[in-house]
């Protein structure tokens, strides 16, 4: 098999995985009758998006790092240091001495995550700058548009809407859920796995600001939108995530990591929920 054939096969695999996820989300939605069942379904979908790409990447003999599944060494570098400390401590101990075997096992477990890890400050700060800039540019107009949308919905239902800003009582829970259980699985699957494989198989039409534009981006963002739509058949508004997905895609390609996309995605969800929690209707 040639490299081109291999690349196309990997792209087909990513498309099949995306179709399987859409079917899974649609099926899970049919059984989401109670809160407990919804949480179980949410966990299954998150696990699918986290595990399957890593398994397929490993099975193909590739590195997760090449798919942007890293944080510029900000996590890997400390893990590499910890692994080295464990190895050094194990070497100083005599064979059979208490704790030596535990240190060796720990270093073995850390090896896949710490291999050749080195902190890359330039790209790390690029992701943080991108995230901060996008928050400054998009959050204020979104808040204004969101307010008028809520007023329109209230008028349509013949109610009065009042708004008072306050942080949700479960703010920490919102942050953890949206960053680790929503944004991380989705960005790992769509921007890290699917987008990377499609970009490799389908050459871009052109580049803008260093970001390749072509069918790979359009299709991966479309699959992301259909993944959201699958959870709520009949609600065309759930196709709306196609547009923020374009931003997430550009962030991933510019920095080489999904870190910025995860941060912006998760914080956008939290910001939207914070705005929504401030409205009362009468």
C-alpha atoms as a PDB file:
ATOM      1  CA  UNK A   1       0.000   0.000   0.000  1.00  0.00           C
ATOM      2  CA  UNK A   2       1.377   3.416  -0.985  1.00  0.00           C
ATOM      3  CA  UNK A   3       1.431   6.432   1.333  1.00  0.00           C
ATOM      4  CA  UNK A   4      -1.468   8.015  -0.615  1.00  0.00           C
ATOM      5  CA  UNK A   5      -3.547   4.843  -0.308  1.00  0.00           C
ATOM      6  CA  UNK A   6      -2.747   4.682   3.401  1.00  0.00           C
ATOM      7  CA  UNK A   7      -3.798   8.317   3.858  1.00  0.00           C
ATOM      8  CA  UNK A   8      -7.096   7.774   2.033  1.00  0.00           C
ATOM      9  CA  UNK A   9      -7.777   4.648   4.106  1.00  0.00           C
ATOM     10  CA  UNK A  10      -7.204   6.641   7.293  1.00  0.00           C
ATOM     11  CA  UNK A  11      -9.575   9.349   6.055  1.00  0.00           C
ATOM     12  CA  UNK A  12     -12.289   6.743   5.353  1.00  0.00           C
ATOM     13  CA  UNK A  13     -11.738   5.344   8.826  1.00  0.00           C
ATOM     14  CA  UNK A  14     -12.288   8.809  10.314  1.00  0.00           C
ATOM     15  CA  UNK A  15     -15.505   9.226   8.310  1.00  0.00           C
ATOM     16  CA  UNK A  16     -16.773   5.807   9.438  1.00  0.00           C
ATOM     17  CA  UNK A  17     -15.978   6.692  13.053  1.00  0.00           C
ATOM     18  CA  UNK A  18     -17.889   9.972  12.682  1.00  0.00           C
ATOM     19  CA  UNK A  19     -20.898   8.177  11.188  1.00  0.00           C
ATOM     20  CA  UNK A  20     -20.804   5.656  14.044  1.00  0.00           C
ATOM     21  CA  UNK A  21     -20.771   8.491  16.578  1.00  0.00           C
ATOM     22  CA  UNK A  22     -23.773  10.180  14.930  1.00  0.00           C
ATOM     23  CA  UNK A  23     -25.707   6.898  15.037  1.00  0.00           C
ATOM     24  CA  UNK A  24     -24.674   6.348  18.668  1.00  0.00           C
ATOM     25  CA  UNK A  25     -25.842   9.838  19.677  1.00  0.00           C
ATOM     26  CA  UNK A  26     -29.151   9.354  17.871  1.00  0.00           C
ATOM     27  CA  UNK A  27     -29.747   5.993  19.566  1.00  0.00           C
ATOM     28  CA  UNK A  28     -28.782   7.290  23.005  1.00  0.00           C
ATOM     29  CA  UNK A  29     -31.191  10.201  22.584  1.00  0.00           C
ATOM     30  CA  UNK A  30     -34.080   7.774  22.069  1.00  0.00           C
ATOM     31  CA  UNK A  31     -33.472   6.250  25.494  1.00  0.00           C
ATOM     32  CA  UNK A  32     -32.694   9.489  27.362  1.00  0.00           C
ATOM     33  CA  UNK A  33     -35.927   9.454  29.353  1.00  0.00           C
ATOM     34  CA  UNK A  34     -34.591  10.197  32.838  1.00  0.00           C
ATOM     35  CA  UNK A  35     -31.720  12.209  34.299  1.00  0.00           C
ATOM     36  CA  UNK A  36     -29.704   9.099  35.212  1.00  0.00           C
ATOM     37  CA  UNK A  37     -30.086   7.613  31.723  1.00  0.00           C
ATOM     38  CA  UNK A  38     -29.044  10.957  30.202  1.00  0.00           C
ATOM     39  CA  UNK A  39     -25.893  11.009  32.325  1.00  0.00           C
ATOM     40  CA  UNK A  40     -25.048   7.434  31.343  1.00  0.00           C
ATOM     41  CA  UNK A  41     -25.562   8.283  27.662  1.00  0.00           C
ATOM     42  CA  UNK A  42     -23.437  11.429  28.030  1.00  0.00           C
ATOM     43  CA  UNK A  43     -20.644   9.355  29.588  1.00  0.00           C
ATOM     44  CA  UNK A  44     -20.812   6.726  26.825  1.00  0.00           C
ATOM     45  CA  UNK A  45     -20.580   9.397  24.099  1.00  0.00           C
ATOM     46  CA  UNK A  46     -17.646  11.129  25.834  1.00  0.00           C
ATOM     47  CA  UNK A  47     -15.808   7.825  26.297  1.00  0.00           C
ATOM     48  CA  UNK A  48     -16.352   6.952  22.608  1.00  0.00           C
ATOM     49  CA  UNK A  49     -14.818  10.264  21.507  1.00  0.00           C
ATOM     50  CA  UNK A  50     -11.879   9.948  23.900  1.00  0.00           C
ATOM     51  CA  UNK A  51     -11.009   6.287  23.452  1.00  0.00           C
ATOM     52  CA  UNK A  52     -11.694   5.384  19.815  1.00  0.00           C
ATOM     53  CA  UNK A  53      -9.369   7.977  18.190  1.00  0.00           C
ATOM     54  CA  UNK A  54      -6.479   7.119  20.535  1.00  0.00           C
ATOM     55  CA  UNK A  55      -6.979   3.404  19.855  1.00  0.00           C
ATOM     56  CA  UNK A  56      -7.069   3.895  16.068  1.00  0.00           C
ATOM     57  CA  UNK A  57      -4.022   6.177  16.135  1.00  0.00           C
ATOM     58  CA  UNK A  58      -2.066   3.662  18.224  1.00  0.00           C
ATOM     59  CA  UNK A  59      -3.236   0.761  16.024  1.00  0.00           C
ATOM     60  CA  UNK A  60      -1.913   2.585  12.946  1.00  0.00           C
ATOM     61  CA  UNK A  61       1.502   2.993  14.609  1.00  0.00           C
ATOM     62  CA  UNK A  62       1.141   6.786  14.722  1.00  0.00           C
ATOM     63  CA  UNK A  63       1.775   9.300  17.515  1.00  0.00           C
ATOM     64  CA  UNK A  64      -1.001  11.179  19.270  1.00  0.00           C
ATOM     65  CA  UNK A  65       1.317  14.210  19.266  1.00  0.00           C
ATOM     66  CA  UNK A  66       1.068  14.394  15.456  1.00  0.00           C
ATOM     67  CA  UNK A  67      -2.698  14.775  15.803  1.00  0.00           C
ATOM     68  CA  UNK A  68      -2.413  17.818  18.048  1.00  0.00           C
ATOM     69  CA  UNK A  69      -3.386  15.759  21.107  1.00  0.00           C
ATOM     70  CA  UNK A  70      -1.029  17.562  23.439  1.00  0.00           C
ATOM     71  CA  UNK A  71      -0.695  20.820  25.370  1.00  0.00           C
ATOM     72  CA  UNK A  72       2.692  21.979  24.058  1.00  0.00           C
ATOM     73  CA  UNK A  73       4.511  20.011  26.724  1.00  0.00           C
ATOM     74  CA  UNK A  74       2.837  21.872  29.595  1.00  0.00           C
ATOM     75  CA  UNK A  75       1.564  18.501  30.868  1.00  0.00           C
ATOM     76  CA  UNK A  76       4.033  16.168  29.206  1.00  0.00           C
ATOM     77  CA  UNK A  77       7.161  17.949  30.447  1.00  0.00           C
ATOM     78  CA  UNK A  78       6.256  17.643  34.165  1.00  0.00           C
ATOM     79  CA  UNK A  79       5.279  13.997  33.546  1.00  0.00           C
ATOM     80  CA  UNK A  80       8.641  13.385  31.864  1.00  0.00           C
ATOM     81  CA  UNK A  81      10.413  14.934  34.866  1.00  0.00           C
ATOM     82  CA  UNK A  82       8.358  12.811  37.276  1.00  0.00           C
ATOM     83  CA  UNK A  83       9.165   9.676  35.266  1.00  0.00           C
ATOM     84  CA  UNK A  84      12.880  10.465  35.354  1.00  0.00           C
ATOM     85  CA  UNK A  85      12.748  11.037  39.108  1.00  0.00           C
ATOM     86  CA  UNK A  86      11.018   7.649  39.543  1.00  0.00           C
ATOM     87  CA  UNK A  87      13.690   5.921  37.446  1.00  0.00           C
ATOM     88  CA  UNK A  88      16.507   7.624  39.351  1.00  0.00           C
ATOM     89  CA  UNK A  89      14.971   6.647  42.693  1.00  0.00           C
ATOM     90  CA  UNK A  90      14.469   3.049  41.527  1.00  0.00           C
ATOM     91  CA  UNK A  91      18.123   2.794  40.428  1.00  0.00           C
ATOM     92  CA  UNK A  92      19.319   3.953  43.853  1.00  0.00           C
ATOM     93  CA  UNK A  93      17.381   1.196  45.588  1.00  0.00           C
ATOM     94  CA  UNK A  94      18.575  -2.357  45.949  1.00  0.00           C
ATOM     95  CA  UNK A  95      16.750  -5.193  44.173  1.00  0.00           C
ATOM     96  CA  UNK A  96      13.784  -6.274  46.279  1.00  0.00           C
ATOM     97  CA  UNK A  97      13.891  -3.107  48.384  1.00  0.00           C
ATOM     98  CA  UNK A  98      10.475  -1.762  49.405  1.00  0.00           C
ATOM     99  CA  UNK A  99       8.993   0.610  46.821  1.00  0.00           C
ATOM    100  CA  UNK A 100      11.440  -0.181  44.000  1.00  0.00           C
ATOM    101  CA  UNK A 101       8.921  -2.211  42.026  1.00  0.00           C
ATOM    102  CA  UNK A 102       6.254   0.475  42.506  1.00  0.00           C
ATOM    103  CA  UNK A 103       8.608   3.156  41.152  1.00  0.00           C
ATOM    104  CA  UNK A 104       9.440   1.054  38.108  1.00  0.00           C
ATOM    105  CA  UNK A 105       5.740   0.383  37.419  1.00  0.00           C
ATOM    106  CA  UNK A 106       4.921   4.086  37.747  1.00  0.00           C
ATOM    107  CA  UNK A 107       7.683   5.063  35.328  1.00  0.00           C
ATOM    108  CA  UNK A 108       6.378   2.435  32.880  1.00  0.00           C
ATOM    109  CA  UNK A 109       2.843   3.873  33.085  1.00  0.00           C
ATOM    110  CA  UNK A 110       4.150   7.413  32.512  1.00  0.00           C
ATOM    111  CA  UNK A 111       6.299   6.466  29.512  1.00  0.00           C
ATOM    112  CA  UNK A 112       3.657   6.913  26.748  1.00  0.00           C
ATOM    113  CA  UNK A 113       2.751  10.399  28.029  1.00  0.00           C
ATOM    114  CA  UNK A 114       6.267  11.597  28.821  1.00  0.00           C
ATOM    115  CA  UNK A 115       8.130  10.324  25.757  1.00  0.00           C
ATOM    116  CA  UNK A 116      10.281  13.146  24.347  1.00  0.00           C
ATOM    117  CA  UNK A 117       8.110  15.683  26.172  1.00  0.00           C
ATOM    118  CA  UNK A 118       9.466  19.201  26.221  1.00  0.00           C
ATOM    119  CA  UNK A 119       7.699  22.426  27.104  1.00  0.00           C
ATOM    120  CA  UNK A 120       7.172  24.629  24.032  1.00  0.00           C
ATOM    121  CA  UNK A 121       6.483  28.135  25.367  1.00  0.00           C
ATOM    122  CA  UNK A 122       6.010  29.870  21.998  1.00  0.00           C
ATOM    123  CA  UNK A 123       3.123  27.684  20.821  1.00  0.00           C
ATOM    124  CA  UNK A 124       1.721  27.376  24.356  1.00  0.00           C
ATOM    125  CA  UNK A 125       1.384  31.158  24.642  1.00  0.00           C
ATOM    126  CA  UNK A 126       0.074  31.336  21.064  1.00  0.00           C
ATOM    127  CA  UNK A 127      -2.869  29.167  22.088  1.00  0.00           C
ATOM    128  CA  UNK A 128      -3.506  31.265  25.194  1.00  0.00           C
ATOM    129  CA  UNK A 129      -3.292  34.512  23.191  1.00  0.00           C
ATOM    130  CA  UNK A 130      -5.668  33.151  20.555  1.00  0.00           C
ATOM    131  CA  UNK A 131      -8.135  32.101  23.236  1.00  0.00           C
ATOM    132  CA  UNK A 132      -7.952  35.450  25.048  1.00  0.00           C
ATOM    133  CA  UNK A 133      -8.322  37.449  21.833  1.00  0.00           C
ATOM    134  CA  UNK A 134     -11.310  35.431  20.648  1.00  0.00           C
ATOM    135  CA  UNK A 135     -12.989  35.789  24.044  1.00  0.00           C
ATOM    136  CA  UNK A 136     -12.488  39.583  23.919  1.00  0.00           C
ATOM    137  CA  UNK A 137     -13.830  39.803  20.345  1.00  0.00           C
ATOM    138  CA  UNK A 138     -16.761  37.365  20.482  1.00  0.00           C
ATOM    139  CA  UNK A 139     -18.167  37.356  24.025  1.00  0.00           C
ATOM    140  CA  UNK A 140     -19.466  40.987  24.167  1.00  0.00           C
ATOM    141  CA  UNK A 141     -21.453  40.862  20.870  1.00  0.00           C
ATOM    142  CA  UNK A 142     -22.673  37.378  21.757  1.00  0.00           C
ATOM    143  CA  UNK A 143     -23.996  38.691  25.095  1.00  0.00           C
ATOM    144  CA  UNK A 144     -25.873  41.491  23.304  1.00  0.00           C
ATOM    145  CA  UNK A 145     -27.315  39.140  20.689  1.00  0.00           C
ATOM    146  CA  UNK A 146     -28.233  36.603  23.359  1.00  0.00           C
ATOM    147  CA  UNK A 147     -30.120  39.268  25.332  1.00  0.00           C
ATOM    148  CA  UNK A 148     -32.235  40.340  22.356  1.00  0.00           C
ATOM    149  CA  UNK A 149     -32.884  36.693  21.508  1.00  0.00           C
ATOM    150  CA  UNK A 150     -34.203  36.056  25.019  1.00  0.00           C
ATOM    151  CA  UNK A 151     -36.423  39.145  24.776  1.00  0.00           C
ATOM    152  CA  UNK A 152     -37.749  37.898  21.440  1.00  0.00           C
ATOM    153  CA  UNK A 153     -38.514  34.463  22.894  1.00  0.00           C
ATOM    154  CA  UNK A 154     -40.287  36.059  25.862  1.00  0.00           C
ATOM    155  CA  UNK A 155     -42.362  38.279  23.563  1.00  0.00           C
ATOM    156  CA  UNK A 156     -43.273  35.293  21.416  1.00  0.00           C
ATOM    157  CA  UNK A 157     -44.570  33.408  24.475  1.00  0.00           C
ATOM    158  CA  UNK A 158     -46.306  36.559  25.875  1.00  0.00           C
ATOM    159  CA  UNK A 159     -44.049  36.752  28.921  1.00  0.00           C
ATOM    160  CA  UNK A 160     -41.790  39.360  30.458  1.00  0.00           C
ATOM    161  CA  UNK A 161     -38.046  38.731  30.650  1.00  0.00           C
ATOM    162  CA  UNK A 162     -35.848  40.264  33.347  1.00  0.00           C
ATOM    163  CA  UNK A 163     -32.077  39.888  33.567  1.00  0.00           C
ATOM    164  CA  UNK A 164     -29.721  40.168  36.522  1.00  0.00           C
ATOM    165  CA  UNK A 165     -26.145  38.990  36.133  1.00  0.00           C
ATOM    166  CA  UNK A 166     -24.934  36.434  38.635  1.00  0.00           C
ATOM    167  CA  UNK A 167     -22.596  33.476  38.545  1.00  0.00           C
ATOM    168  CA  UNK A 168     -24.286  30.075  38.660  1.00  0.00           C
ATOM    169  CA  UNK A 169     -24.041  28.330  42.016  1.00  0.00           C
ATOM    170  CA  UNK A 170     -22.428  25.344  40.294  1.00  0.00           C
ATOM    171  CA  UNK A 171     -19.781  27.365  38.428  1.00  0.00           C
ATOM    172  CA  UNK A 172     -16.907  24.998  39.276  1.00  0.00           C
ATOM    173  CA  UNK A 173     -18.979  22.020  38.144  1.00  0.00           C
ATOM    174  CA  UNK A 174     -19.872  23.847  34.923  1.00  0.00           C
ATOM    175  CA  UNK A 175     -16.201  24.556  34.213  1.00  0.00           C
ATOM    176  CA  UNK A 176     -15.092  20.988  34.855  1.00  0.00           C
ATOM    177  CA  UNK A 177     -17.909  19.409  32.836  1.00  0.00           C
ATOM    178  CA  UNK A 178     -17.627  21.746  29.854  1.00  0.00           C
ATOM    179  CA  UNK A 179     -13.832  21.694  29.672  1.00  0.00           C
ATOM    180  CA  UNK A 180     -13.095  18.048  30.481  1.00  0.00           C
ATOM    181  CA  UNK A 181     -16.261  16.149  29.521  1.00  0.00           C
ATOM    182  CA  UNK A 182     -17.605  18.241  26.625  1.00  0.00           C
ATOM    183  CA  UNK A 183     -14.883  20.313  24.936  1.00  0.00           C
ATOM    184  CA  UNK A 184     -11.985  17.882  25.432  1.00  0.00           C
ATOM    185  CA  UNK A 185     -13.728  14.782  23.971  1.00  0.00           C
ATOM    186  CA  UNK A 186     -15.272  16.737  21.089  1.00  0.00           C
ATOM    187  CA  UNK A 187     -12.078  18.590  20.158  1.00  0.00           C
ATOM    188  CA  UNK A 188      -9.988  15.436  20.474  1.00  0.00           C
ATOM    189  CA  UNK A 189     -12.364  13.559  18.179  1.00  0.00           C
ATOM    190  CA  UNK A 190     -13.265  16.190  15.572  1.00  0.00           C
ATOM    191  CA  UNK A 191     -10.307  18.598  15.472  1.00  0.00           C
ATOM    192  CA  UNK A 192      -7.604  16.209  16.592  1.00  0.00           C
ATOM    193  CA  UNK A 193      -8.571  12.947  14.883  1.00  0.00           C
ATOM    194  CA  UNK A 194     -11.107  13.561  12.089  1.00  0.00           C
ATOM    195  CA  UNK A 195      -9.799  16.915  10.871  1.00  0.00           C
ATOM    196  CA  UNK A 196      -6.149  15.801  10.864  1.00  0.00           C
ATOM    197  CA  UNK A 197      -6.878  12.718   8.782  1.00  0.00           C
ATOM    198  CA  UNK A 198      -9.099  14.554   6.299  1.00  0.00           C
ATOM    199  CA  UNK A 199      -6.581  17.383   5.836  1.00  0.00           C
ATOM    200  CA  UNK A 200      -3.883  14.790   5.079  1.00  0.00           C
ATOM    201  CA  UNK A 201      -6.091  13.079   2.474  1.00  0.00           C
ATOM    202  CA  UNK A 202      -7.745  16.091   0.843  1.00  0.00           C
ATOM    203  CA  UNK A 203      -5.381  18.895  -0.215  1.00  0.00           C
ATOM    204  CA  UNK A 204      -6.647  22.402   0.663  1.00  0.00           C
ATOM    205  CA  UNK A 205      -7.897  24.859  -1.921  1.00  0.00           C
ATOM    206  CA  UNK A 206      -5.840  27.716  -0.502  1.00  0.00           C
ATOM    207  CA  UNK A 207      -4.467  29.099   2.766  1.00  0.00           C
ATOM    208  CA  UNK A 208      -5.597  32.132   4.753  1.00  0.00           C
ATOM    209  CA  UNK A 209      -3.515  33.324   7.716  1.00  0.00           C
ATOM    210  CA  UNK A 210      -1.630  30.051   7.605  1.00  0.00           C
ATOM    211  CA  UNK A 211      -4.828  27.971   7.832  1.00  0.00           C
ATOM    212  CA  UNK A 212      -5.560  25.551   4.942  1.00  0.00           C
ATOM    213  CA  UNK A 213      -9.096  25.947   3.614  1.00  0.00           C
ATOM    214  CA  UNK A 214     -10.757  23.082   1.774  1.00  0.00           C
ATOM    215  CA  UNK A 215     -13.187  20.189   1.915  1.00  0.00           C
ATOM    216  CA  UNK A 216     -11.429  18.687   4.929  1.00  0.00           C
ATOM    217  CA  UNK A 217     -12.399  21.654   7.127  1.00  0.00           C
ATOM    218  CA  UNK A 218     -15.920  21.926   5.694  1.00  0.00           C
ATOM    219  CA  UNK A 219     -16.655  18.212   6.123  1.00  0.00           C
ATOM    220  CA  UNK A 220     -15.145  17.893   9.615  1.00  0.00           C
ATOM    221  CA  UNK A 221     -17.115  20.947  10.809  1.00  0.00           C
ATOM    222  CA  UNK A 222     -20.255  19.567   9.144  1.00  0.00           C
ATOM    223  CA  UNK A 223     -19.817  16.252  10.950  1.00  0.00           C
ATOM    224  CA  UNK A 224     -19.403  18.173  14.209  1.00  0.00           C
ATOM    225  CA  UNK A 225     -22.704  19.970  13.554  1.00  0.00           C
ATOM    226  CA  UNK A 226     -24.514  16.725  12.651  1.00  0.00           C
ATOM    227  CA  UNK A 227     -23.157  15.166  15.825  1.00  0.00           C
ATOM    228  CA  UNK A 228     -24.971  17.869  17.801  1.00  0.00           C
ATOM    229  CA  UNK A 229     -28.077  17.578  15.634  1.00  0.00           C
ATOM    230  CA  UNK A 230     -28.178  13.803  16.233  1.00  0.00           C
ATOM    231  CA  UNK A 231     -29.000  14.426  19.868  1.00  0.00           C
ATOM    232  CA  UNK A 232     -32.063  16.525  18.972  1.00  0.00           C
ATOM    233  CA  UNK A 233     -33.604  15.359  15.711  1.00  0.00           C
ATOM    234  CA  UNK A 234     -36.001  17.920  14.336  1.00  0.00           C
ATOM    235  CA  UNK A 235     -34.255  20.951  15.832  1.00  0.00           C
ATOM    236  CA  UNK A 236     -32.364  22.654  12.973  1.00  0.00           C
ATOM    237  CA  UNK A 237     -30.826  25.141  15.442  1.00  0.00           C
ATOM    238  CA  UNK A 238     -28.545  22.307  16.573  1.00  0.00           C
ATOM    239  CA  UNK A 239     -26.748  22.584  13.226  1.00  0.00           C
ATOM    240  CA  UNK A 240     -25.501  25.999  14.373  1.00  0.00           C
ATOM    241  CA  UNK A 241     -22.251  24.621  15.908  1.00  0.00           C
ATOM    242  CA  UNK A 242     -20.912  24.357  12.332  1.00  0.00           C
ATOM    243  CA  UNK A 243     -19.846  28.004  12.535  1.00  0.00           C
ATOM    244  CA  UNK A 244     -17.913  28.008  15.825  1.00  0.00           C
ATOM    245  CA  UNK A 245     -16.364  24.744  14.618  1.00  0.00           C
ATOM    246  CA  UNK A 246     -14.659  26.742  11.857  1.00  0.00           C
ATOM    247  CA  UNK A 247     -12.977  28.839  14.559  1.00  0.00           C
ATOM    248  CA  UNK A 248     -11.951  25.740  16.540  1.00  0.00           C
ATOM    249  CA  UNK A 249     -10.530  24.241  13.331  1.00  0.00           C
ATOM    250  CA  UNK A 250      -8.432  27.339  12.629  1.00  0.00           C
ATOM    251  CA  UNK A 251      -7.111  27.410  16.211  1.00  0.00           C
ATOM    252  CA  UNK A 252      -6.049  23.761  15.980  1.00  0.00           C
ATOM    253  CA  UNK A 253      -4.242  24.301  12.681  1.00  0.00           C
ATOM    254  CA  UNK A 254      -2.480  27.520  13.690  1.00  0.00           C
ATOM    255  CA  UNK A 255      -1.010  26.261  16.954  1.00  0.00           C
ATOM    256  CA  UNK A 256      -0.657  22.552  16.186  1.00  0.00           C
ATOM    257  CA  UNK A 257      -2.566  21.577  19.322  1.00  0.00           C
ATOM    258  CA  UNK A 258      -6.182  21.159  20.384  1.00  0.00           C
ATOM    259  CA  UNK A 259      -5.452  23.011  23.650  1.00  0.00           C
ATOM    260  CA  UNK A 260      -6.701  26.444  22.524  1.00  0.00           C
ATOM    261  CA  UNK A 261      -9.801  24.961  20.879  1.00  0.00           C
ATOM    262  CA  UNK A 262     -10.623  23.046  24.067  1.00  0.00           C
ATOM    263  CA  UNK A 263     -10.278  26.198  26.194  1.00  0.00           C
ATOM    264  CA  UNK A 264     -12.302  28.441  23.883  1.00  0.00           C
ATOM    265  CA  UNK A 265     -14.967  25.790  23.284  1.00  0.00           C
ATOM    266  CA  UNK A 266     -15.414  24.999  26.971  1.00  0.00           C
ATOM    267  CA  UNK A 267     -15.351  28.617  28.158  1.00  0.00           C
ATOM    268  CA  UNK A 268     -17.848  29.612  25.448  1.00  0.00           C
ATOM    269  CA  UNK A 269     -20.271  26.976  26.736  1.00  0.00           C
ATOM    270  CA  UNK A 270     -19.818  28.193  30.312  1.00  0.00           C
ATOM    271  CA  UNK A 271     -20.315  31.828  29.265  1.00  0.00           C
ATOM    272  CA  UNK A 272     -23.517  30.948  27.420  1.00  0.00           C
ATOM    273  CA  UNK A 273     -24.840  29.024  30.422  1.00  0.00           C
ATOM    274  CA  UNK A 274     -23.918  31.902  32.752  1.00  0.00           C
ATOM    275  CA  UNK A 275     -25.886  34.350  30.618  1.00  0.00           C
ATOM    276  CA  UNK A 276     -28.862  32.007  30.439  1.00  0.00           C
ATOM    277  CA  UNK A 277     -28.974  31.537  34.214  1.00  0.00           C
ATOM    278  CA  UNK A 278     -29.474  35.277  34.774  1.00  0.00           C
ATOM    279  CA  UNK A 279     -32.914  35.433  33.112  1.00  0.00           C
ATOM    280  CA  UNK A 280     -36.232  35.145  34.870  1.00  0.00           C
ATOM    281  CA  UNK A 281     -39.555  35.034  33.026  1.00  0.00           C
ATOM    282  CA  UNK A 282     -42.968  36.072  34.294  1.00  0.00           C
END
